[in-house]
Full PDB file with SEQRES, HELIX, SHEET, SSBOND, CRYST1, ORIGX, SCALE, CONECT and MASTER records, all heavy atoms in Angstrom:
SEQRES   1 A   41  LEU GLU GLY ALA LYS ILE GLN LEU SER ASN TYR GLU LYS          
SEQRES   2 A   41  GLU LEU LYS TYR LEU LYS GLY LYS SER GLN ARG GLU LEU          
SEQRES   3 A   41  ILE SER THR TYR PHE TYR TRP GLU ARG SER ALA ALA VAL          
SEQRES   4 A   41  ILE VAL                                                      
HELIX    1 AA1 GLU A    2  LYS A   19  1                                  18    
HELIX    2 AA2 GLN A   23  LEU A   26  1                                   4    
SHEET    1 AA1 2 THR A  29  TRP A  33  0                                        
SHEET    2 AA1 2 SER A  36  ILE A  40 -1                                        
CRYST1    1.000    1.000    1.000  90.00  90.00  90.00 P 1           1          
ORIGX1      1.000000  0.000000  0.000000        0.00000                         
ORIGX2      0.000000  1.000000  0.000000        0.00000                         
ORIGX3      0.000000  0.000000  1.000000        0.00000                         
SCALE1      1.000000  0.000000  0.000000        0.00000                         
SCALE2      0.000000  1.000000  0.000000        0.00000                         
SCALE3      0.000000  0.000000  1.000000        0.00000                         
ATOM      1  N   LEU A   1      30.112  -0.390 -34.340  1.00  0.00           N  
ATOM      2  CA  LEU A   1      28.848  -1.010 -34.749  1.00  0.00           C  
ATOM      3  C   LEU A   1      27.672  -0.108 -34.383  1.00  0.00           C  
ATOM      4  O   LEU A   1      26.767   0.095 -35.191  1.00  0.00           O  
ATOM      5  CB  LEU A   1      28.695  -2.388 -34.102  1.00  0.00           C  
ATOM      6  CG  LEU A   1      27.423  -3.152 -34.440  1.00  0.00           C  
ATOM      7  CD1 LEU A   1      27.330  -3.400 -35.935  1.00  0.00           C  
ATOM      8  CD2 LEU A   1      27.380  -4.465 -33.681  1.00  0.00           C  
ATOM      9  N   GLU A   2      27.695   0.454 -33.197  1.00  0.00           N  
ATOM     10  CA  GLU A   2      26.622   1.351 -32.780  1.00  0.00           C  
ATOM     11  C   GLU A   2      26.588   2.587 -33.681  1.00  0.00           C  
ATOM     12  O   GLU A   2      25.520   3.037 -34.091  1.00  0.00           O  
ATOM     13  CB  GLU A   2      26.802   1.762 -31.313  1.00  0.00           C  
ATOM     14  CG  GLU A   2      25.619   2.480 -30.739  1.00  0.00           C  
ATOM     15  CD  GLU A   2      24.317   1.686 -30.780  1.00  0.00           C  
ATOM     16  OE1 GLU A   2      24.350   0.441 -30.676  1.00  0.00           O  
ATOM     17  OE2 GLU A   2      23.261   2.309 -30.951  1.00  0.00           O  
ATOM     18  N   GLY A   3      27.762   3.123 -34.007  1.00  0.00           N  
ATOM     19  CA  GLY A   3      27.835   4.264 -34.918  1.00  0.00           C  
ATOM     20  C   GLY A   3      27.276   3.925 -36.286  1.00  0.00           C  
ATOM     21  O   GLY A   3      26.552   4.723 -36.890  1.00  0.00           O  
ATOM     22  N   ALA A   4      27.592   2.739 -36.781  1.00  0.00           N  
ATOM     23  CA  ALA A   4      27.074   2.299 -38.079  1.00  0.00           C  
ATOM     24  C   ALA A   4      25.555   2.143 -38.041  1.00  0.00           C  
ATOM     25  O   ALA A   4      24.859   2.502 -38.992  1.00  0.00           O  
ATOM     26  CB  ALA A   4      27.735   0.990 -38.496  1.00  0.00           C  
ATOM     27  N   LYS A   5      25.028   1.634 -36.930  1.00  0.00           N  
ATOM     28  CA  LYS A   5      23.569   1.490 -36.790  1.00  0.00           C  
ATOM     29  C   LYS A   5      22.884   2.854 -36.808  1.00  0.00           C  
ATOM     30  O   LYS A   5      21.845   3.024 -37.439  1.00  0.00           O  
ATOM     31  CB  LYS A   5      23.229   0.763 -35.487  1.00  0.00           C  
ATOM     32  CG  LYS A   5      23.496  -0.715 -35.515  1.00  0.00           C  
ATOM     33  CD  LYS A   5      23.133  -1.332 -34.164  1.00  0.00           C  
ATOM     34  CE  LYS A   5      23.459  -2.805 -34.099  1.00  0.00           C  
ATOM     35  NZ  LYS A   5      23.166  -3.366 -32.772  1.00  0.00           N  
ATOM     36  N   ILE A   6      23.468   3.812 -36.123  1.00  0.00           N  
ATOM     37  CA  ILE A   6      22.903   5.167 -36.096  1.00  0.00           C  
ATOM     38  C   ILE A   6      22.934   5.770 -37.492  1.00  0.00           C  
ATOM     39  O   ILE A   6      21.953   6.355 -37.955  1.00  0.00           O  
ATOM     40  CB  ILE A   6      23.657   6.052 -35.077  1.00  0.00           C  
ATOM     41  CG1 ILE A   6      23.361   5.576 -33.653  1.00  0.00           C  
ATOM     42  CG2 ILE A   6      23.313   7.521 -35.260  1.00  0.00           C  
ATOM     43  CD1 ILE A   6      24.251   6.184 -32.600  1.00  0.00           C  
ATOM     44  N   GLN A   7      24.058   5.617 -38.191  1.00  0.00           N  
ATOM     45  CA  GLN A   7      24.188   6.153 -39.547  1.00  0.00           C  
ATOM     46  C   GLN A   7      23.178   5.495 -40.477  1.00  0.00           C  
ATOM     47  O   GLN A   7      22.530   6.162 -41.281  1.00  0.00           O  
ATOM     48  CB  GLN A   7      25.616   5.948 -40.077  1.00  0.00           C  
ATOM     49  CG  GLN A   7      25.886   6.656 -41.369  1.00  0.00           C  
ATOM     50  CD  GLN A   7      25.786   8.162 -41.250  1.00  0.00           C  
ATOM     51  OE1 GLN A   7      26.210   8.749 -40.264  1.00  0.00           O  
ATOM     52  NE2 GLN A   7      25.224   8.807 -42.242  1.00  0.00           N  
ATOM     53  N   LEU A   8      23.009   4.191 -40.362  1.00  0.00           N  
ATOM     54  CA  LEU A   8      22.036   3.479 -41.184  1.00  0.00           C  
ATOM     55  C   LEU A   8      20.625   3.991 -40.901  1.00  0.00           C  
ATOM     56  O   LEU A   8      19.843   4.228 -41.820  1.00  0.00           O  
ATOM     57  CB  LEU A   8      22.119   1.973 -40.918  1.00  0.00           C  
ATOM     58  CG  LEU A   8      21.125   1.097 -41.669  1.00  0.00           C  
ATOM     59  CD1 LEU A   8      21.310   1.233 -43.174  1.00  0.00           C  
ATOM     60  CD2 LEU A   8      21.273  -0.358 -41.244  1.00  0.00           C  
ATOM     61  N   SER A   9      20.309   4.200 -39.644  1.00  0.00           N  
ATOM     62  CA  SER A   9      19.000   4.724 -39.275  1.00  0.00           C  
ATOM     63  C   SER A   9      18.774   6.102 -39.888  1.00  0.00           C  
ATOM     64  O   SER A   9      17.688   6.401 -40.392  1.00  0.00           O  
ATOM     65  CB  SER A   9      18.884   4.791 -37.750  1.00  0.00           C  
ATOM     66  OG  SER A   9      17.699   5.430 -37.372  1.00  0.00           O  
ATOM     67  N   ASN A  10      19.814   6.945 -39.869  1.00  0.00           N  
ATOM     68  CA  ASN A  10      19.702   8.270 -40.477  1.00  0.00           C  
ATOM     69  C   ASN A  10      19.452   8.163 -41.980  1.00  0.00           C  
ATOM     70  O   ASN A  10      18.620   8.881 -42.532  1.00  0.00           O  
ATOM     71  CB  ASN A  10      20.959   9.099 -40.212  1.00  0.00           C  
ATOM     72  CG  ASN A  10      21.069   9.518 -38.764  1.00  0.00           C  
ATOM     73  OD1 ASN A  10      20.081   9.542 -38.034  1.00  0.00           O  
ATOM     74  ND2 ASN A  10      22.272   9.842 -38.338  1.00  0.00           N  
ATOM     75  N   TYR A  11      20.184   7.255 -42.656  1.00  0.00           N  
ATOM     76  CA  TYR A  11      19.988   7.074 -44.097  1.00  0.00           C  
ATOM     77  C   TYR A  11      18.582   6.552 -44.395  1.00  0.00           C  
ATOM     78  O   TYR A  11      17.955   6.964 -45.365  1.00  0.00           O  
ATOM     79  CB  TYR A  11      21.018   6.105 -44.678  1.00  0.00           C  
ATOM     80  CG  TYR A  11      22.395   6.694 -44.833  1.00  0.00           C  
ATOM     81  CD1 TYR A  11      23.520   5.968 -44.491  1.00  0.00           C  
ATOM     82  CD2 TYR A  11      22.585   7.985 -45.325  1.00  0.00           C  
ATOM     83  CE1 TYR A  11      24.797   6.504 -44.634  1.00  0.00           C  
ATOM     84  CE2 TYR A  11      23.851   8.525 -45.461  1.00  0.00           C  
ATOM     85  CZ  TYR A  11      24.948   7.779 -45.118  1.00  0.00           C  
ATOM     86  OH  TYR A  11      26.203   8.311 -45.270  1.00  0.00           O  
ATOM     87  N   GLU A  12      18.086   5.658 -43.554  1.00  0.00           N  
ATOM     88  CA  GLU A  12      16.732   5.130 -43.765  1.00  0.00           C  
ATOM     89  C   GLU A  12      15.687   6.238 -43.610  1.00  0.00           C  
ATOM     90  O   GLU A  12      14.734   6.305 -44.373  1.00  0.00           O  
ATOM     91  CB  GLU A  12      16.453   3.979 -42.791  1.00  0.00           C  
ATOM     92  CG  GLU A  12      17.194   2.715 -43.159  1.00  0.00           C  
ATOM     93  CD  GLU A  12      17.123   1.633 -42.093  1.00  0.00           C  
ATOM     94  OE1 GLU A  12      16.830   1.939 -40.916  1.00  0.00           O  
ATOM     95  OE2 GLU A  12      17.368   0.464 -42.454  1.00  0.00           O  
ATOM     96  N   LYS A  13      15.880   7.130 -42.618  1.00  0.00           N  
ATOM     97  CA  LYS A  13      14.964   8.254 -42.435  1.00  0.00           C  
ATOM     98  C   LYS A  13      14.999   9.176 -43.650  1.00  0.00           C  
ATOM     99  O   LYS A  13      13.961   9.632 -44.133  1.00  0.00           O  
ATOM    100  CB  LYS A  13      15.337   9.055 -41.191  1.00  0.00           C  
ATOM    101  CG  LYS A  13      14.982   8.392 -39.895  1.00  0.00           C  
ATOM    102  CD  LYS A  13      15.455   9.243 -38.722  1.00  0.00           C  
ATOM    103  CE  LYS A  13      15.358   8.480 -37.421  1.00  0.00           C  
ATOM    104  NZ  LYS A  13      15.990   9.194 -36.312  1.00  0.00           N  
ATOM    105  N   GLU A  14      16.217   9.460 -44.153  1.00  0.00           N  
ATOM    106  CA  GLU A  14      16.349  10.314 -45.325  1.00  0.00           C  
ATOM    107  C   GLU A  14      15.661   9.683 -46.535  1.00  0.00           C  
ATOM    108  O   GLU A  14      14.950  10.360 -47.271  1.00  0.00           O  
ATOM    109  CB  GLU A  14      17.826  10.565 -45.647  1.00  0.00           C  
ATOM    110  CG  GLU A  14      18.505  11.473 -44.660  1.00  0.00           C  
ATOM    111  CD  GLU A  14      19.989  11.643 -44.937  1.00  0.00           C  
ATOM    112  OE1 GLU A  14      20.433  11.384 -46.072  1.00  0.00           O  
ATOM    113  OE2 GLU A  14      20.705  12.061 -44.007  1.00  0.00           O  
ATOM    114  N   LEU A  15      15.870   8.387 -46.720  1.00  0.00           N  
ATOM    115  CA  LEU A  15      15.272   7.693 -47.855  1.00  0.00           C  
ATOM    116  C   LEU A  15      13.756   7.735 -47.772  1.00  0.00           C  
ATOM    117  O   LEU A  15      13.073   8.028 -48.761  1.00  0.00           O  
ATOM    118  CB  LEU A  15      15.763   6.246 -47.909  1.00  0.00           C  
ATOM    119  CG  LEU A  15      15.243   5.394 -49.051  1.00  0.00           C  
ATOM    120  CD1 LEU A  15      15.653   5.981 -50.396  1.00  0.00           C  
ATOM    121  CD2 LEU A  15      15.740   3.973 -48.922  1.00  0.00           C  
ATOM    122  N   LYS A  16      13.209   7.486 -46.599  1.00  0.00           N  
ATOM    123  CA  LYS A  16      11.760   7.518 -46.419  1.00  0.00           C  
ATOM    124  C   LYS A  16      11.217   8.909 -46.723  1.00  0.00           C  
ATOM    125  O   LYS A  16      10.201   9.064 -47.397  1.00  0.00           O  
ATOM    126  CB  LYS A  16      11.408   7.109 -44.984  1.00  0.00           C  
ATOM    127  CG  LYS A  16       9.921   7.041 -44.716  1.00  0.00           C  
ATOM    128  CD  LYS A  16       9.641   6.582 -43.301  1.00  0.00           C  
ATOM    129  CE  LYS A  16       8.150   6.556 -43.029  1.00  0.00           C  
ATOM    130  NZ  LYS A  16       7.856   6.203 -41.655  1.00  0.00           N  
ATOM    131  N   TYR A  17      11.898   9.937 -46.247  1.00  0.00           N  
ATOM    132  CA  TYR A  17      11.471  11.309 -46.497  1.00  0.00           C  
ATOM    133  C   TYR A  17      11.535  11.620 -47.997  1.00  0.00           C  
ATOM    134  O   TYR A  17      10.595  12.171 -48.561  1.00  0.00           O  
ATOM    135  CB  TYR A  17      12.354  12.273 -45.708  1.00  0.00           C  
ATOM    136  CG  TYR A  17      11.969  13.724 -45.855  1.00  0.00           C  
ATOM    137  CD1 TYR A  17      10.894  14.247 -45.139  1.00  0.00           C  
ATOM    138  CD2 TYR A  17      12.673  14.576 -46.699  1.00  0.00           C  
ATOM    139  CE1 TYR A  17      10.535  15.572 -45.258  1.00  0.00           C  
ATOM    140  CE2 TYR A  17      12.319  15.912 -46.820  1.00  0.00           C  
ATOM    141  CZ  TYR A  17      11.252  16.398 -46.098  1.00  0.00           C  
ATOM    142  OH  TYR A  17      10.900  17.722 -46.231  1.00  0.00           O  
ATOM    143  N   LEU A  18      12.652  11.250 -48.632  1.00  0.00           N  
ATOM    144  CA  LEU A  18      12.828  11.539 -50.061  1.00  0.00           C  
ATOM    145  C   LEU A  18      11.818  10.795 -50.923  1.00  0.00           C  
ATOM    146  O   LEU A  18      11.318  11.342 -51.907  1.00  0.00           O  
ATOM    147  CB  LEU A  18      14.249  11.186 -50.515  1.00  0.00           C  
ATOM    148  CG  LEU A  18      15.361  12.092 -49.996  1.00  0.00           C  
ATOM    149  CD1 LEU A  18      16.714  11.522 -50.362  1.00  0.00           C  
ATOM    150  CD2 LEU A  18      15.206  13.501 -50.530  1.00  0.00           C  
ATOM    151  N   LYS A  19      11.504   9.551 -50.575  1.00  0.00           N  
ATOM    152  CA  LYS A  19      10.556   8.766 -51.361  1.00  0.00           C  
ATOM    153  C   LYS A  19       9.166   9.378 -51.343  1.00  0.00           C  
ATOM    154  O   LYS A  19       8.411   9.228 -52.281  1.00  0.00           O  
ATOM    155  CB  LYS A  19      10.492   7.320 -50.865  1.00  0.00           C  
ATOM    156  CG  LYS A  19      11.644   6.476 -51.335  1.00  0.00           C  
ATOM    157  CD  LYS A  19      11.453   5.045 -50.878  1.00  0.00           C  
ATOM    158  CE  LYS A  19      12.542   4.151 -51.442  1.00  0.00           C  
ATOM    159  NZ  LYS A  19      12.373   2.767 -51.008  1.00  0.00           N  
ATOM    160  N   GLY A  20       8.844  10.074 -50.277  1.00  0.00           N  
ATOM    161  CA  GLY A  20       7.519  10.657 -50.155  1.00  0.00           C  
ATOM    162  C   GLY A  20       7.378  12.009 -50.836  1.00  0.00           C  
ATOM    163  O   GLY A  20       6.309  12.596 -50.835  1.00  0.00           O  
ATOM    164  N   LYS A  21       8.441  12.508 -51.447  1.00  0.00           N  
ATOM    165  CA  LYS A  21       8.416  13.851 -52.027  1.00  0.00           C  
ATOM    166  C   LYS A  21       8.946  13.817 -53.460  1.00  0.00           C  
ATOM    167  O   LYS A  21       9.806  13.022 -53.798  1.00  0.00           O  
ATOM    168  CB  LYS A  21       9.327  14.795 -51.232  1.00  0.00           C  
ATOM    169  CG  LYS A  21       9.026  14.899 -49.773  1.00  0.00           C  
ATOM    170  CD  LYS A  21       7.925  15.868 -49.518  1.00  0.00           C  
ATOM    171  CE  LYS A  21       7.707  16.057 -48.029  1.00  0.00           C  
ATOM    172  NZ  LYS A  21       6.697  17.006 -47.746  1.00  0.00           N  
ATOM    173  N   SER A  22       8.433  14.719 -54.290  1.00  0.00           N  
ATOM    174  CA  SER A  22       9.030  14.909 -55.611  1.00  0.00           C  
ATOM    175  C   SER A  22      10.191  15.881 -55.448  1.00  0.00           C  
ATOM    176  O   SER A  22      10.295  16.576 -54.439  1.00  0.00           O  
ATOM    177  CB  SER A  22       8.004  15.489 -56.589  1.00  0.00           C  
ATOM    178  OG  SER A  22       7.737  16.837 -56.253  1.00  0.00           O  
ATOM    179  N   GLN A  23      11.069  15.947 -56.445  1.00  0.00           N  
ATOM    180  CA  GLN A  23      12.202  16.864 -56.354  1.00  0.00           C  
ATOM    181  C   GLN A  23      11.742  18.297 -56.145  1.00  0.00           C  
ATOM    182  O   GLN A  23      12.306  19.025 -55.341  1.00  0.00           O  
ATOM    183  CB  GLN A  23      13.060  16.769 -57.620  1.00  0.00           C  
ATOM    184  CG  GLN A  23      13.929  15.556 -57.652  1.00  0.00           C  
ATOM    185  CD  GLN A  23      15.114  15.717 -58.571  1.00  0.00           C  
ATOM    186  OE1 GLN A  23      15.216  16.657 -59.350  1.00  0.00           O  
ATOM    187  NE2 GLN A  23      16.030  14.786 -58.490  1.00  0.00           N  
ATOM    188  N   ARG A  24      10.705  18.685 -56.835  1.00  0.00           N  
ATOM    189  CA  ARG A  24      10.243  20.070 -56.723  1.00  0.00           C  
ATOM    190  C   ARG A  24       9.685  20.362 -55.333  1.00  0.00           C  
ATOM    191  O   ARG A  24       9.803  21.466 -54.833  1.00  0.00           O  
ATOM    192  CB  ARG A  24       9.217  20.385 -57.804  1.00  0.00           C  
ATOM    193  CG  ARG A  24       9.876  20.553 -59.156  1.00  0.00           C  
ATOM    194  CD  ARG A  24       8.880  20.908 -60.211  1.00  0.00           C  
ATOM    195  NE  ARG A  24       9.000  19.893 -61.253  1.00  0.00           N  
ATOM    196  CZ  ARG A  24       8.097  19.648 -62.148  1.00  0.00           C  
ATOM    197  NH1 ARG A  24       6.983  20.309 -62.186  1.00  0.00           N  
ATOM    198  NH2 ARG A  24       8.302  18.719 -63.050  1.00  0.00           N  
ATOM    199  N   GLU A  25       9.100  19.369 -54.693  1.00  0.00           N  
ATOM    200  CA  GLU A  25       8.579  19.566 -53.335  1.00  0.00           C  
ATOM    201  C   GLU A  25       9.703  19.716 -52.310  1.00  0.00           C  
ATOM    202  O   GLU A  25       9.503  20.304 -51.253  1.00  0.00           O  
ATOM    203  CB  GLU A  25       7.703  18.384 -52.915  1.00  0.00           C  
ATOM    204  CG  GLU A  25       6.379  18.304 -53.627  1.00  0.00           C  
ATOM    205  CD  GLU A  25       5.613  17.056 -53.218  1.00  0.00           C  
ATOM    206  OE1 GLU A  25       6.176  15.943 -53.337  1.00  0.00           O  
ATOM    207  OE2 GLU A  25       4.477  17.210 -52.771  1.00  0.00           O  
ATOM    208  N   LEU A  26      10.880  19.170 -52.615  1.00  0.00           N  
ATOM    209  CA  LEU A  26      12.005  19.232 -51.684  1.00  0.00           C  
ATOM    210  C   LEU A  26      12.702  20.585 -51.687  1.00  0.00           C  
ATOM    211  O   LEU A  26      13.416  20.925 -50.748  1.00  0.00           O  
ATOM    212  CB  LEU A  26      13.034  18.143 -52.022  1.00  0.00           C  
ATOM    213  CG  LEU A  26      12.571  16.710 -51.838  1.00  0.00           C  
ATOM    214  CD1 LEU A  26      13.590  15.744 -52.419  1.00  0.00           C  
ATOM    215  CD2 LEU A  26      12.329  16.406 -50.373  1.00  0.00           C  
ATOM    216  N   ILE A  27      12.507  21.374 -52.736  1.00  0.00           N  
ATOM    217  CA  ILE A  27      13.186  22.662 -52.838  1.00  0.00           C  
ATOM    218  C   ILE A  27      12.496  23.665 -51.919  1.00  0.00           C  
ATOM    219  O   ILE A  27      11.299  23.893 -52.021  1.00  0.00           O  
ATOM    220  CB  ILE A  27      13.195  23.170 -54.291  1.00  0.00           C  
ATOM    221  CG1 ILE A  27      13.955  22.185 -55.175  1.00  0.00           C  
ATOM    222  CG2 ILE A  27      13.829  24.559 -54.366  1.00  0.00           C  
ATOM    223  CD1 ILE A  27      13.823  22.448 -56.647  1.00  0.00           C  
ATOM    224  N   SER A  28      13.282  24.240 -51.021  1.00  0.00           N  
ATOM    225  CA  SER A  28      12.712  25.205 -50.078  1.00  0.00           C  
ATOM    226  C   SER A  28      12.986  26.643 -50.495  1.00  0.00           C  
ATOM    227  O   SER A  28      12.205  27.533 -50.162  1.00  0.00           O  
ATOM    228  CB  SER A  28      13.250  24.961 -48.666  1.00  0.00           C  
ATOM    229  OG  SER A  28      14.652  25.149 -48.642  1.00  0.00           O  
ATOM    230  N   THR A  29      14.091  26.890 -51.205  1.00  0.00           N  
ATOM    231  CA  THR A  29      14.456  28.254 -51.558  1.00  0.00           C  
ATOM    232  C   THR A  29      15.079  28.288 -52.953  1.00  0.00           C  
ATOM    233  O   THR A  29      15.907  27.440 -53.290  1.00  0.00           O  
ATOM    234  CB  THR A  29      15.467  28.833 -50.547  1.00  0.00           C  
ATOM    235  OG1 THR A  29      15.031  28.521 -49.220  1.00  0.00           O  
ATOM    236  CG2 THR A  29      15.591  30.335 -50.665  1.00  0.00           C  
ATOM    237  N   TYR A  30      14.673  29.282 -53.718  1.00  0.00           N  
ATOM    238  CA  TYR A  30      15.169  29.471 -55.086  1.00  0.00           C  
ATOM    239  C   TYR A  30      15.953  30.781 -55.145  1.00  0.00           C  
ATOM    240  O   TYR A  30      15.579  31.765 -54.507  1.00  0.00           O  
ATOM    241  CB  TYR A  30      13.999  29.576 -56.066  1.00  0.00           C  
ATOM    242  CG  TYR A  30      13.132  28.346 -56.143  1.00  0.00           C  
ATOM    243  CD1 TYR A  30      12.100  28.139 -55.234  1.00  0.00           C  
ATOM    244  CD2 TYR A  30      13.336  27.401 -57.138  1.00  0.00           C  
ATOM    245  CE1 TYR A  30      11.295  27.013 -55.310  1.00  0.00           C  
ATOM    246  CE2 TYR A  30      12.535  26.277 -57.231  1.00  0.00           C  
ATOM    247  CZ  TYR A  30      11.523  26.081 -56.305  1.00  0.00           C  
ATOM    248  OH  TYR A  30      10.735  24.973 -56.399  1.00  0.00           O  
ATOM    249  N   PHE A  31      17.042  30.783 -55.966  1.00  0.00           N  
ATOM    250  CA  PHE A  31      17.875  31.979 -56.100  1.00  0.00           C  
ATOM    251  C   PHE A  31      18.278  32.216 -57.550  1.00  0.00           C  
ATOM    252  O   PHE A  31      18.425  31.276 -58.344  1.00  0.00           O  
ATOM    253  CB  PHE A  31      19.189  31.821 -55.309  1.00  0.00           C  
ATOM    254  CG  PHE A  31      19.015  31.754 -53.832  1.00  0.00           C  
ATOM    255  CD1 PHE A  31      18.885  30.527 -53.201  1.00  0.00           C  
ATOM    256  CD2 PHE A  31      19.000  32.897 -53.055  1.00  0.00           C  
ATOM    257  CE1 PHE A  31      18.738  30.445 -51.828  1.00  0.00           C  
ATOM    258  CE2 PHE A  31      18.846  32.821 -51.686  1.00  0.00           C  
ATOM    259  CZ  PHE A  31      18.720  31.602 -51.071  1.00  0.00           C  
ATOM    260  N   TYR A  32      18.510  33.491 -57.843  1.00  0.00           N  
ATOM    261  CA  TYR A  32      19.254  33.906 -59.029  1.00  0.00           C  
ATOM    262  C   TYR A  32      20.589  34.336 -58.465  1.00  0.00           C  
ATOM    263  O   TYR A  32      20.663  35.270 -57.657  1.00  0.00           O  
ATOM    264  CB  TYR A  32      18.543  35.084 -59.718  1.00  0.00           C  
ATOM    265  CG  TYR A  32      19.269  35.585 -60.933  1.00  0.00           C  
ATOM    266  CD1 TYR A  32      19.081  34.976 -62.165  1.00  0.00           C  
ATOM    267  CD2 TYR A  32      20.144  36.658 -60.850  1.00  0.00           C  
ATOM    268  CE1 TYR A  32      19.741  35.431 -63.299  1.00  0.00           C  
ATOM    269  CE2 TYR A  32      20.821  37.121 -61.970  1.00  0.00           C  
ATOM    270  CZ  TYR A  32      20.613  36.504 -63.187  1.00  0.00           C  
ATOM    271  OH  TYR A  32      21.275  36.947 -64.303  1.00  0.00           O  
ATOM    272  N   TRP A  33      21.663  33.647 -58.831  1.00  0.00           N  
ATOM    273  CA  TRP A  33      22.965  33.902 -58.226  1.00  0.00           C  
ATOM    274  C   TRP A  33      24.045  33.808 -59.304  1.00  0.00           C  
ATOM    275  O   TRP A  33      24.149  32.791 -59.995  1.00  0.00           O  
ATOM    276  CB  TRP A  33      23.237  32.894 -57.109  1.00  0.00           C  
ATOM    277  CG  TRP A  33      24.561  33.052 -56.443  1.00  0.00           C  
ATOM    278  CD1 TRP A  33      24.932  34.039 -55.579  1.00  0.00           C  
ATOM    279  CD2 TRP A  33      25.688  32.197 -56.572  1.00  0.00           C  
ATOM    280  NE1 TRP A  33      26.229  33.846 -55.174  1.00  0.00           N  
ATOM    281  CE2 TRP A  33      26.717  32.707 -55.770  1.00  0.00           C  
ATOM    282  CE3 TRP A  33      25.939  31.037 -57.306  1.00  0.00           C  
ATOM    283  CZ2 TRP A  33      27.966  32.120 -55.661  1.00  0.00           C  
ATOM    284  CZ3 TRP A  33      27.182  30.444 -57.199  1.00  0.00           C  
ATOM    285  CH2 TRP A  33      28.182  30.978 -56.379  1.00  0.00           C  
ATOM    286  N   GLU A  34      24.816  34.869 -59.455  1.00  0.00           N  
ATOM    287  CA  GLU A  34      25.912  34.926 -60.432  1.00  0.00           C  
ATOM    288  C   GLU A  34      25.476  34.429 -61.811  1.00  0.00           C  
ATOM    289  O   GLU A  34      26.103  33.561 -62.411  1.00  0.00           O  
ATOM    290  CB  GLU A  34      27.130  34.159 -59.924  1.00  0.00           C  
ATOM    291  CG  GLU A  34      27.775  34.818 -58.731  1.00  0.00           C  
ATOM    292  CD  GLU A  34      29.139  34.240 -58.399  1.00  0.00           C  
ATOM    293  OE1 GLU A  34      29.630  33.343 -59.113  1.00  0.00           O  
ATOM    294  OE2 GLU A  34      29.724  34.721 -57.412  1.00  0.00           O  
ATOM    295  N   ARG A  35      24.364  34.954 -62.296  1.00  0.00           N  
ATOM    296  CA  ARG A  35      23.807  34.625 -63.612  1.00  0.00           C  
ATOM    297  C   ARG A  35      23.454  33.137 -63.742  1.00  0.00           C  
ATOM    298  O   ARG A  35      23.445  32.585 -64.834  1.00  0.00           O  
ATOM    299  CB  ARG A  35      24.755  35.069 -64.735  1.00  0.00           C  
ATOM    300  CG  ARG A  35      24.982  36.575 -64.759  1.00  0.00           C  
ATOM    301  CD  ARG A  35      25.889  37.035 -65.872  1.00  0.00           C  
ATOM    302  NE  ARG A  35      27.176  36.392 -65.938  1.00  0.00           N  
ATOM    303  CZ  ARG A  35      28.255  36.769 -65.250  1.00  0.00           C  
ATOM    304  NH1 ARG A  35      28.194  37.784 -64.432  1.00  0.00           N  
ATOM    305  NH2 ARG A  35      29.389  36.135 -65.380  1.00  0.00           N  
ATOM    306  N   SER A  36      23.217  32.486 -62.620  1.00  0.00           N  
ATOM    307  CA  SER A  36      22.867  31.066 -62.606  1.00  0.00           C  
ATOM    308  C   SER A  36      21.682  30.822 -61.682  1.00  0.00           C  
ATOM    309  O   SER A  36      21.375  31.641 -60.825  1.00  0.00           O  
ATOM    310  CB  SER A  36      24.033  30.213 -62.101  1.00  0.00           C  
ATOM    311  OG  SER A  36      25.087  30.202 -63.014  1.00  0.00           O  
ATOM    312  N   ALA A  37      21.092  29.669 -61.861  1.00  0.00           N  
ATOM    313  CA  ALA A  37      20.042  29.206 -60.961  1.00  0.00           C  
ATOM    314  C   ALA A  37      20.704  28.527 -59.768  1.00  0.00           C  
ATOM    315  O   ALA A  37      21.722  27.843 -59.912  1.00  0.00           O  
ATOM    316  CB  ALA A  37      19.140  28.212 -61.684  1.00  0.00           C  
ATOM    317  N   ALA A  38      20.118  28.707 -58.599  1.00  0.00           N  
ATOM    318  CA  ALA A  38      20.600  28.028 -57.396  1.00  0.00           C  
ATOM    319  C   ALA A  38      19.382  27.689 -56.542  1.00  0.00           C  
ATOM    320  O   ALA A  38      18.402  28.429 -56.527  1.00  0.00           O  
ATOM    321  CB  ALA A  38      21.563  28.917 -56.625  1.00  0.00           C  
ATOM    322  N   VAL A  39      19.455  26.549 -55.871  1.00  0.00           N  
ATOM    323  CA  VAL A  39      18.344  26.118 -55.027  1.00  0.00           C  
ATOM    324  C   VAL A  39      18.872  25.512 -53.736  1.00  0.00           C  
ATOM    325  O   VAL A  39      19.991  25.007 -53.685  1.00  0.00           O  
ATOM    326  CB  VAL A  39      17.438  25.068 -55.733  1.00  0.00           C  
ATOM    327  CG1 VAL A  39      16.738  25.675 -56.925  1.00  0.00           C  
ATOM    328  CG2 VAL A  39      18.215  23.832 -56.126  1.00  0.00           C  
ATOM    329  N   ILE A  40      18.041  25.567 -52.704  1.00  0.00           N  
ATOM    330  CA  ILE A  40      18.316  24.848 -51.465  1.00  0.00           C  
ATOM    331  C   ILE A  40      17.261  23.764 -51.356  1.00  0.00           C  
ATOM    332  O   ILE A  40      16.067  24.017 -51.522  1.00  0.00           O  
ATOM    333  CB  ILE A  40      18.289  25.777 -50.247  1.00  0.00           C  
ATOM    334  CG1 ILE A  40      19.437  26.798 -50.360  1.00  0.00           C  
ATOM    335  CG2 ILE A  40      18.408  24.978 -48.946  1.00  0.00           C  
ATOM    336  CD1 ILE A  40      19.493  27.811 -49.247  1.00  0.00           C  
ATOM    337  N   VAL A  41      17.726  22.547 -51.103  1.00  0.00           N  
ATOM    338  CA  VAL A  41      16.860  21.372 -51.063  1.00  0.00           C  
ATOM    339  C   VAL A  41      16.855  20.817 -49.648  1.00  0.00           C  
ATOM    340  O   VAL A  41      17.910  20.636 -49.039  1.00  0.00           O  
ATOM    341  CB  VAL A  41      17.397  20.288 -52.037  1.00  0.00           C  
ATOM    342  CG1 VAL A  41      16.567  19.038 -51.962  1.00  0.00           C  
ATOM    343  CG2 VAL A  41      17.449  20.826 -53.453  1.00  0.00           C  
TER     344      VAL A  41                                                      
MASTER        0    0    0    2    2    0    0    6  343    1    0    4          
END                                                                             
């Protein structure tokens, strides 16, 4: 139960962070890799 509470708290923090940002704002690094686009979010 304690583990589940911690996990839920982590998901709530992630959700709050994600809701405050657009997808483009979440991208920290852009790459050209193997003739494809790649990003780190």
